[in-house]
Amino acid sequence: MNDELCRLLAAFDCGRLSRRQLLKALGAGVALAPASALAAPAQLGARIGNAGAQARAPFEPTGWTTVLLDHLSCKVEDHEKEAAYYNALMNWAVRSDDAQEAVLDIGGFGGIVIRGGYRLSAAEVSADRAQYERRAALARKRGFQVGPFEPRNALFDSFCWDIEPWDTRKVEAALKARGLNPSPENRGHGFESFHVKDPDGFDVQIGNGNRRNRRTTTPRGRLAVAAPFAHTDWTTIWLDHISYQCTDYKRTVAFYQALLGWQPTADQGNSNQVRIGDIGDIIIRNRFGGGQGALIDHIAFGITPFNPEAVRAAFEERGLAARVDTNGGGPIDTAPYKSYHTLTPNGFDLQISNITIATRGR
């Protein structure tokens, strides 16, 4: 198999290349490559062949519409460093901070709760390293450059989505009728919510907030640590995607479609990029390496202004490493999809892209 085909297959396996893009690339190469090079391995047919009919809905659709990303929730080893990083690099405003957690606004469309005190156990580090070595060996074999292993002392363990219409009793009754065992959480100031579990046990919080009644006050929080570097001039304007690994992507897509009204797009055979209304996207994919449970392995945010050279220079000026990702579209200067990956202080994979609501789906 030639090097270019190896790169295409690797990009497809990692979810960076869609089924449509892969087939288009293979078709374009027919006239140029020998038949032996274009004969994909048998497992490629199996991977693509998994695309097709969606899984059956796990219960009657609720009819709810997701109207707001209330907040993402993560735990890290050092929450002050993580919060200061996001505040300086992404210009996320600090709403509050104490010895346990910091709450920041993500642009004008969402929020994040960052809690401290998390650290991978020795067994978890060993498991992560083993998975890294397997994927790194495959990547090197296929001609990709691979960075060193770094423990990830950051874990996104929940997200909260606000829905409409909201009637507390009706929402609770609907969740119970679907066997979801809702657990209430009400924080005062009119906010009400319920926690449920998705098919892999991931914590899903459903709230009554909307754009009119959440974050109406000016954030005035202060962090206990200094900014790690000078602030950029970036504004976060879009949730490009959450990369969500799970045990069975078809089952999970059907769950969120029935519960929160999220709309799947084309099935890629190993993933589906699902639209969360006018809020953003989530790529729901099978676990890399066949692992169990749910994992958010990276999150991408669209920013403005996005000039590839200026963004790269901003990373370099702040001593931050950045990896180009154009979703298989070629050089970043000419690709429709332009993005960089970098690591936060606690080792989470943060992606920054040029995508907005007007250009979603590139």
Protein backbone atom coordinates (compact mmCIF):
# COMPACT_ATOMS: atom_id res chain seq x y z
CA MET A 1 0.00 0.00 0.00
CA ASN A 2 1.43 3.43 -0.88
CA ASP A 3 2.18 6.15 1.65
CA GLU A 4 -0.68 8.41 0.58
CA LEU A 5 -3.25 5.65 1.06
CA CYS A 6 -1.79 4.89 4.49
CA ARG A 7 -2.20 8.52 5.45
CA LEU A 8 -5.81 8.52 4.25
CA LEU A 9 -6.64 5.38 6.22
CA ALA A 10 -4.97 6.73 9.35
CA ALA A 11 -6.90 9.99 9.08
CA PHE A 12 -10.16 8.05 8.62
CA ASP A 13 -9.44 5.80 11.62
CA CYS A 14 -8.76 8.82 13.84
CA GLY A 15 -11.95 10.57 12.73
CA ARG A 16 -10.10 13.40 10.97
CA LEU A 17 -11.38 12.30 7.57
CA SER A 18 -15.03 11.60 6.84
CA ARG A 19 -16.30 8.62 4.88
CA ARG A 20 -17.32 10.95 2.05
CA GLN A 21 -13.87 12.58 1.99
CA LEU A 22 -12.13 9.21 2.07
CA LEU A 23 -14.17 7.82 -0.83
CA LYS A 24 -13.63 11.01 -2.80
CA ALA A 25 -9.87 10.84 -2.21
CA LEU A 26 -9.73 7.18 -3.20
CA GLY A 27 -11.77 7.88 -6.33
CA ALA A 28 -9.49 10.75 -7.33
CA GLY A 29 -6.48 8.49 -7.07
CA VAL A 30 -7.75 5.70 -9.31
CA ALA A 31 -6.29 7.17 -12.49
CA LEU A 32 -2.93 7.85 -10.89
CA ALA A 33 -2.21 4.86 -8.70
CA PRO A 34 -1.65 1.22 -9.60
CA ALA A 35 -4.44 -1.18 -8.74
CA SER A 36 -2.35 -2.82 -6.02
CA ALA A 37 -1.94 0.50 -4.22
CA LEU A 38 -5.65 1.26 -4.37
CA ALA A 39 -6.69 -2.14 -3.09
CA ALA A 40 -7.53 -1.13 0.48
CA PRO A 41 -7.18 -3.78 3.19
CA ALA A 42 -10.24 -5.87 3.98
CA GLN A 43 -10.85 -4.05 7.23
CA LEU A 44 -11.43 -0.79 5.31
CA GLY A 45 -14.51 -2.31 3.72
CA ALA A 46 -15.71 -3.36 7.16
CA ARG A 47 -15.12 0.13 8.58
CA ILE A 48 -16.99 1.87 5.77
CA GLY A 49 -19.64 -0.83 5.66
CA ASN A 50 -20.70 0.00 9.22
CA ALA A 51 -22.28 3.21 7.92
CA GLY A 52 -25.95 3.09 7.18
CA ALA A 53 -29.09 2.87 9.25
CA GLN A 54 -29.10 4.63 12.58
CA ALA A 55 -29.75 2.78 15.80
CA ARG A 56 -33.34 2.62 16.99
CA ALA A 57 -34.31 5.36 19.45
CA PRO A 58 -33.95 4.05 23.03
CA PHE A 59 -37.22 5.72 24.03
CA GLU A 60 -39.91 8.05 22.73
CA PRO A 61 -38.33 11.39 21.74
CA THR A 62 -38.92 14.12 24.30
CA GLY A 63 -39.51 16.88 21.76
CA TRP A 64 -37.12 19.18 23.65
CA THR A 65 -34.80 21.64 21.93
CA THR A 66 -31.30 22.32 23.26
CA VAL A 67 -30.96 26.11 23.41
CA LEU A 68 -27.76 26.71 25.41
CA LEU A 69 -24.51 25.14 26.53
CA ASP A 70 -24.93 25.92 30.21
CA HIS A 71 -21.48 24.63 31.11
CA LEU A 72 -18.82 22.02 30.59
CA SER A 73 -17.45 20.46 33.76
CA CYS A 74 -13.90 19.21 34.16
CA LYS A 75 -11.52 18.24 36.90
CA VAL A 76 -7.79 18.91 36.71
CA GLU A 77 -4.75 18.68 38.94
CA ASP A 78 -4.28 22.47 39.27
CA HIS A 79 -7.47 24.39 38.56
CA GLU A 80 -5.86 27.84 38.99
CA LYS A 81 -3.29 27.21 36.25
CA GLU A 82 -5.94 25.79 33.93
CA ALA A 83 -8.31 28.71 34.50
CA ALA A 84 -5.55 31.30 34.04
CA TYR A 85 -4.51 29.63 30.78
CA TYR A 86 -8.04 29.73 29.32
CA ASN A 87 -8.51 33.28 30.54
CA ALA A 88 -5.33 34.50 28.82
CA LEU A 89 -5.34 32.38 25.65
CA MET A 90 -9.06 32.22 24.90
CA ASN A 91 -10.17 35.36 26.78
CA TRP A 92 -12.77 33.44 28.78
CA ALA A 93 -13.99 35.79 31.51
CA VAL A 94 -13.70 34.66 35.13
CA ARG A 95 -17.07 34.59 36.87
CA SER A 96 -15.88 33.16 40.20
CA ASP A 97 -12.95 31.36 41.81
CA ASP A 98 -12.31 29.76 45.18
CA ALA A 99 -9.95 27.17 46.59
CA GLN A 100 -11.81 24.32 44.87
CA GLU A 101 -13.08 25.53 41.50
CA ALA A 102 -13.22 28.33 38.97
CA VAL A 103 -16.18 29.25 36.77
CA LEU A 104 -15.51 30.96 33.45
CA ASP A 105 -17.69 32.22 30.60
CA ILE A 106 -16.92 30.77 27.17
CA GLY A 107 -17.44 33.74 24.91
CA GLY A 108 -21.09 34.71 24.99
CA PHE A 109 -22.52 31.23 24.49
CA GLY A 110 -21.41 28.94 27.31
CA GLY A 111 -19.47 28.32 30.46
CA ILE A 112 -16.97 25.98 32.07
CA VAL A 113 -16.51 24.78 35.64
CA ILE A 114 -12.91 23.78 36.42
CA ARG A 115 -12.33 21.81 39.62
CA GLY A 116 -8.95 21.02 41.15
CA GLY A 117 -7.39 18.05 42.91
CA TYR A 118 -7.56 15.48 40.11
CA ARG A 119 -4.63 13.29 39.21
CA LEU A 120 -4.39 10.07 37.25
CA SER A 121 -3.51 6.98 39.28
CA ALA A 122 -0.40 4.99 38.42
CA ALA A 123 -2.62 2.33 36.81
CA GLU A 124 -4.42 4.94 34.71
CA VAL A 125 -1.12 6.47 33.57
CA SER A 126 0.11 3.00 32.62
CA ALA A 127 -3.06 2.26 30.65
CA ASP A 128 -2.87 5.63 28.89
CA ARG A 129 0.78 5.07 28.05
CA ALA A 130 0.03 1.61 26.60
CA GLN A 131 -2.75 3.04 24.43
CA TYR A 132 -0.47 5.88 23.34
CA GLU A 133 2.29 3.43 22.36
CA ARG A 134 -0.12 1.36 20.25
CA ARG A 135 -1.46 4.40 18.42
CA ALA A 136 2.00 5.97 18.11
CA ALA A 137 3.45 2.82 16.55
CA LEU A 138 0.66 2.75 13.97
CA ALA A 139 1.06 6.46 13.25
CA ARG A 140 4.84 6.17 12.77
CA LYS A 141 4.37 3.17 10.49
CA ARG A 142 2.05 5.28 8.35
CA GLY A 143 4.45 8.20 8.17
CA PHE A 144 3.04 10.51 10.85
CA GLN A 145 5.14 12.45 13.33
CA VAL A 146 4.33 11.65 16.96
CA GLY A 147 5.00 13.78 20.02
CA PRO A 148 6.15 12.43 23.39
CA PHE A 149 3.73 10.84 25.84
CA GLU A 150 2.36 13.24 28.41
CA PRO A 151 -0.01 12.22 31.23
CA ARG A 152 -3.39 13.89 31.00
CA ASN A 153 -4.31 15.24 34.42
CA ALA A 154 -7.57 16.67 33.08
CA LEU A 155 -10.91 14.94 32.68
CA PHE A 156 -14.21 16.31 31.40
CA ASP A 157 -16.76 14.40 33.45
CA SER A 158 -20.07 16.17 32.74
CA PHE A 159 -21.85 18.72 30.59
CA CYS A 160 -25.01 20.74 31.14
CA TRP A 161 -27.45 21.67 28.36
CA ASP A 162 -30.40 23.98 28.79
CA ILE A 163 -33.61 23.05 27.02
CA GLU A 164 -36.98 24.43 26.01
CA PRO A 165 -39.81 24.07 26.77
CA TRP A 166 -39.21 23.80 30.53
CA ASP A 167 -41.73 22.77 33.14
CA THR A 168 -40.00 21.22 36.14
CA ARG A 169 -42.63 18.60 36.92
CA LYS A 170 -43.12 17.65 33.28
CA VAL A 171 -39.39 17.37 32.64
CA GLU A 172 -38.91 15.17 35.70
CA ALA A 173 -41.89 13.01 34.72
CA ALA A 174 -40.59 12.65 31.16
CA LEU A 175 -37.18 11.53 32.39
CA LYS A 176 -38.68 9.02 34.82
CA ALA A 177 -41.01 7.66 32.15
CA ARG A 178 -37.93 6.92 30.02
CA GLY A 179 -36.19 5.09 32.87
CA LEU A 180 -33.45 7.71 33.30
CA ASN A 181 -33.68 8.11 37.11
CA PRO A 182 -33.25 11.91 37.25
CA SER A 183 -31.39 13.50 40.15
CA PRO A 184 -32.30 17.18 40.80
CA GLU A 185 -29.78 20.00 41.27
CA ASN A 186 -31.07 23.52 41.90
CA ARG A 187 -28.58 26.31 42.56
CA GLY A 188 -30.98 29.12 43.35
CA HIS A 189 -31.54 32.33 41.37
CA GLY A 190 -34.23 30.46 39.44
CA PHE A 191 -31.93 27.77 38.00
CA GLU A 192 -33.28 24.21 38.04
CA SER A 193 -31.82 21.04 36.56
CA PHE A 194 -31.71 17.25 36.58
CA HIS A 195 -28.79 14.86 36.15
CA VAL A 196 -29.14 11.64 34.14
CA LYS A 197 -26.68 9.11 32.68
CA ASP A 198 -26.11 8.39 29.01
CA PRO A 199 -25.57 4.81 27.70
CA ASP A 200 -21.93 4.79 28.88
CA GLY A 201 -22.72 6.32 32.27
CA PHE A 202 -21.57 9.84 31.39
CA ASP A 203 -23.19 12.56 33.52
CA VAL A 204 -25.65 14.64 31.50
CA GLN A 205 -27.21 17.66 33.22
CA ILE A 206 -30.37 19.19 31.77
CA GLY A 207 -31.29 22.72 32.89
CA ASN A 208 -33.88 25.45 32.44
CA GLY A 209 -31.55 28.27 31.47
CA ASN A 210 -31.65 30.10 28.16
CA ARG A 211 -29.90 33.00 26.50
CA ARG A 212 -32.22 35.47 28.20
CA ASN A 213 -31.77 34.43 31.80
CA ARG A 214 -28.25 33.01 32.12
CA ARG A 215 -25.09 35.06 32.62
CA THR A 216 -26.92 38.36 32.54
CA THR A 217 -24.52 39.91 35.07
CA THR A 218 -20.98 41.05 34.28
CA PRO A 219 -18.34 38.47 35.32
CA ARG A 220 -16.11 40.03 37.98
CA GLY A 221 -14.17 37.06 39.35
CA ARG A 222 -10.45 37.13 40.05
CA LEU A 223 -7.93 34.32 39.94
CA ALA A 224 -5.38 33.73 42.67
CA VAL A 225 -2.54 33.34 40.16
CA ALA A 226 -1.09 35.67 37.57
CA ALA A 227 -1.71 35.21 33.85
CA PRO A 228 0.83 32.75 32.39
CA PHE A 229 1.39 35.01 29.37
CA ALA A 230 -0.03 38.05 27.62
CA HIS A 231 -3.67 37.87 26.56
CA THR A 232 -4.40 37.20 22.90
CA ASP A 233 -6.87 39.29 20.91
CA TRP A 234 -9.05 36.23 20.21
CA THR A 235 -12.77 35.97 20.90
CA THR A 236 -14.33 32.52 21.23
CA ILE A 237 -17.47 32.53 19.10
CA TRP A 238 -18.38 28.90 18.34
CA LEU A 239 -18.36 25.37 19.71
CA ASP A 240 -16.70 23.75 16.68
CA HIS A 241 -17.01 20.28 18.18
CA ILE A 242 -16.68 18.10 21.23
CA SER A 243 -14.83 14.89 20.40
CA TYR A 244 -16.75 12.28 22.35
CA GLN A 245 -15.56 8.67 22.43
CA CYS A 246 -18.01 6.00 23.51
CA THR A 247 -18.59 2.25 23.41
CA ASP A 248 -21.22 2.27 20.63
CA TYR A 249 -21.52 5.51 18.67
CA LYS A 250 -24.79 4.58 16.96
CA ARG A 251 -26.47 3.88 20.28
CA THR A 252 -25.16 7.11 21.79
CA VAL A 253 -26.21 9.21 18.80
CA ALA A 254 -29.74 7.77 19.07
CA PHE A 255 -29.83 8.55 22.80
CA TYR A 256 -28.94 12.24 22.42
CA GLN A 257 -31.22 12.64 19.43
CA ALA A 258 -34.18 11.27 21.39
CA LEU A 259 -33.36 13.08 24.64
CA LEU A 260 -32.12 16.51 23.54
CA GLY A 261 -33.13 16.80 19.90
CA TRP A 262 -29.58 16.70 18.53
CA GLN A 263 -29.46 15.99 14.79
CA PRO A 264 -26.97 13.49 13.30
CA THR A 265 -25.40 14.15 9.92
CA ALA A 266 -23.85 11.55 7.59
CA ASP A 267 -22.85 8.29 9.28
CA GLN A 268 -19.11 7.76 8.74
CA GLY A 269 -18.95 4.10 9.78
CA ASN A 270 -17.06 4.86 12.98
CA SER A 271 -18.53 8.24 13.98
CA ASN A 272 -21.21 10.82 13.35
CA GLN A 273 -20.88 14.60 13.59
CA VAL A 274 -24.07 15.58 15.41
CA ARG A 275 -25.51 19.10 15.39
CA ILE A 276 -26.48 20.63 18.72
CA GLY A 277 -28.95 23.15 17.32
CA ASP A 278 -27.37 26.56 16.81
CA ILE A 279 -24.85 25.96 19.60
CA GLY A 280 -22.27 23.78 17.88
CA ASP A 281 -21.41 20.18 17.05
CA ILE A 282 -20.32 17.00 18.80
CA ILE A 283 -18.44 14.19 17.04
CA ILE A 284 -19.67 10.98 18.62
CA ARG A 285 -17.22 8.21 17.76
CA ASN A 286 -16.29 4.72 18.88
CA ARG A 287 -13.52 4.47 21.46
CA PHE A 288 -10.05 4.39 19.93
CA GLY A 289 -8.54 0.96 20.47
CA GLY A 290 -11.90 -0.50 21.52
CA GLY A 291 -11.87 0.92 25.05
CA GLN A 292 -14.91 1.01 27.31
CA GLY A 293 -16.90 3.93 28.67
CA ALA A 294 -17.11 7.54 27.54
CA LEU A 295 -14.24 10.00 27.10
CA ILE A 296 -14.02 13.56 25.81
CA ASP A 297 -10.56 13.47 24.26
CA HIS A 298 -10.52 17.02 22.88
CA ILE A 299 -12.74 20.04 22.31
CA ALA A 300 -12.49 22.51 19.41
CA PHE A 301 -13.58 26.14 19.60
CA GLY A 302 -13.95 28.58 16.73
CA ILE A 303 -12.29 31.94 17.29
CA THR A 304 -12.05 35.31 15.61
CA PRO A 305 -9.85 36.68 14.19
CA PHE A 306 -8.33 33.54 12.68
CA ASN A 307 -5.35 34.09 10.43
CA PRO A 308 -3.19 30.93 10.26
CA GLU A 309 0.13 32.75 10.47
CA ALA A 310 -1.02 35.12 13.19
CA VAL A 311 -2.45 32.28 15.28
CA ARG A 312 0.73 30.24 14.87
CA ALA A 313 2.82 33.27 15.86
CA ALA A 314 0.64 33.82 18.93
CA PHE A 315 1.36 30.27 20.08
CA GLU A 316 5.09 30.64 19.48
CA GLU A 317 5.29 33.99 21.26
CA ARG A 318 3.76 32.36 24.34
CA GLY A 319 6.01 29.30 24.21
CA LEU A 320 3.13 26.97 23.32
CA ALA A 321 3.47 24.03 20.94
CA ALA A 322 0.78 23.77 18.28
CA ARG A 323 -0.05 21.04 15.77
CA VAL A 324 -1.77 21.81 12.46
CA ASP A 325 -5.04 19.99 11.70
CA THR A 326 -6.87 20.70 8.42
CA ASN A 327 -9.07 17.57 8.45
CA GLY A 328 -7.18 16.20 5.48
CA GLY A 329 -7.64 19.40 3.48
CA GLY A 330 -3.99 20.12 2.71
CA PRO A 331 -1.83 23.10 3.79
CA ILE A 332 -3.43 25.29 6.41
CA ASP A 333 -3.16 28.44 4.28
CA THR A 334 -5.45 27.00 1.58
CA ALA A 335 -7.55 24.38 3.39
CA PRO A 336 -11.20 25.25 4.11
CA TYR A 337 -10.84 23.84 7.62
CA LYS A 338 -8.00 25.49 9.53
CA SER A 339 -7.07 24.58 13.09
CA TYR A 340 -4.32 23.99 15.62
CA HIS A 341 -4.14 21.59 18.55
CA THR A 342 -2.28 22.49 21.72
CA LEU A 343 -2.10 21.20 25.30
CA THR A 344 -3.40 22.98 28.38
CA PRO A 345 -1.24 23.12 31.55
CA ASN A 346 -2.92 19.95 32.83
CA GLY A 347 -2.51 18.10 29.54
CA PHE A 348 -5.91 18.45 27.85
CA ASP A 349 -6.02 18.61 24.04
CA LEU A 350 -7.48 22.01 23.10
CA GLN A 351 -8.25 22.67 19.43
CA ILE A 352 -8.69 26.17 18.00
CA SER A 353 -10.27 26.60 14.57
CA ASN A 354 -11.65 29.05 12.04
CA ILE A 355 -15.16 27.55 12.07
CA THR A 356 -18.26 29.62 12.86
CA ILE A 357 -21.97 28.91 12.62
CA ALA A 358 -21.83 30.17 9.03
CA THR A 359 -19.10 27.69 8.04
CA ARG A 360 -20.01 24.62 10.13
CA GLY A 361 -19.77 21.32 8.29
CA ARG A 362 -16.53 22.06 6.46
